Protein backbone atom coordinates (compact mmCIF):
# COMPACT_ATOMS: atom_id res chain seq x y z
CA MET A 1 -24.96 -8.47 -21.78
CA GLN A 2 -23.23 -4.82 -22.58
CA PRO A 3 -19.55 -4.40 -21.76
CA TYR A 4 -18.87 -1.66 -18.79
CA PHE A 5 -16.26 -0.25 -20.78
CA TYR A 6 -16.40 0.53 -24.44
CA SER A 7 -12.62 1.53 -24.89
CA VAL A 8 -9.24 1.23 -23.70
CA SER A 9 -9.39 4.99 -22.60
CA GLU A 10 -12.64 4.18 -20.41
CA PHE A 11 -10.97 1.41 -18.80
CA ILE A 12 -8.21 3.52 -17.60
CA ALA A 13 -10.13 6.60 -16.94
CA MET A 14 -12.53 4.36 -14.74
CA GLY A 15 -15.20 6.58 -14.57
CA LYS A 16 -12.69 9.61 -13.22
CA HIS A 17 -11.76 7.16 -10.60
CA GLY A 18 -8.27 5.96 -12.35
CA VAL A 19 -6.10 8.14 -11.22
CA PHE A 20 -6.74 6.68 -7.65
CA VAL A 21 -7.01 2.97 -8.66
CA TRP A 22 -4.03 2.79 -11.09
CA SER A 23 -1.94 4.89 -8.20
CA CYS A 24 -2.95 2.29 -5.58
CA TRP A 25 -1.92 -0.37 -8.17
CA ALA A 26 1.06 1.14 -8.89
CA ILE A 27 2.04 1.62 -5.04
CA THR A 28 1.10 -2.09 -3.89
CA ILE A 29 3.21 -3.49 -7.24
CA GLY A 30 6.39 -1.08 -6.15
CA VAL A 31 6.13 -2.02 -2.46
CA MET A 32 6.03 -5.57 -3.30
CA LEU A 33 9.11 -5.30 -5.43
CA ALA A 34 10.83 -3.49 -3.00
CA PHE A 35 10.12 -6.10 -0.22
CA ILE A 36 10.87 -8.72 -2.96
CA ILE A 37 14.68 -7.05 -3.51
CA TYR A 38 15.25 -6.12 0.05
CA SER A 39 14.82 -10.23 1.27
CA ARG A 40 16.95 -11.48 -1.71
CA LYS A 41 19.60 -8.92 -0.60
CA GLN A 42 19.30 -9.86 3.05
CA ARG A 43 19.58 -13.28 1.93
CA GLN A 44 22.61 -12.95 0.24
CA SER A 45 23.80 -11.03 2.71
CA LEU A 46 23.12 -13.89 5.61
CA ILE A 47 24.51 -16.55 2.98
CA LYS A 48 27.91 -14.43 2.43
CA GLN A 49 28.04 -13.78 6.64
CA LEU A 50 27.31 -17.76 7.26
CA THR A 51 30.29 -18.69 4.49
CA ILE A 52 32.14 -16.29 6.39
CA GLN A 53 31.94 -18.01 9.82
CA GLN A 54 32.12 -21.16 8.71
CA ALA A 55 35.60 -20.43 6.99
CA ARG A 56 36.41 -18.98 10.52
CA GLN A 57 35.36 -22.06 12.53
CA ALA A 58 36.73 -24.29 10.41
CA GLN A 59 39.88 -22.30 10.83
CA ARG A 60 39.83 -22.43 14.42
CA THR A 61 39.37 -26.39 14.69
CA THR A 62 42.38 -26.85 12.58
CA LYS A 63 44.48 -24.68 14.64
CA THR A 64 43.43 -26.69 17.63
CA SER A 65 43.64 -30.09 16.16
CA ILE A 66 47.13 -30.23 15.79
CA PRO A 67 48.86 -32.78 18.31
CA VAL A 68 51.01 -30.85 20.66
CA THR A 69 54.23 -32.52 21.11
CA LYS A 70 55.91 -33.27 24.82
CA GLN A 71 59.11 -31.58 24.41
CA ALA A 72 62.28 -33.68 25.33
CA LYS A 73 64.02 -32.27 28.42
């Protein structure tokens, strides 16, 4: 059994197709990383919005739960 590539430089060149192969790999990894970063930022933003919404909801319920006293005539 003979190796397909005899050196690292031949592996990187890939028979003069290395530029295309490695650029496709770089683009794919770049897009995947961008998607991961975007998703994490969206998740953090959603958690922050939900926290603010819960705080506002809690303020509304405490304001409305104050007992109304009857005024003396």
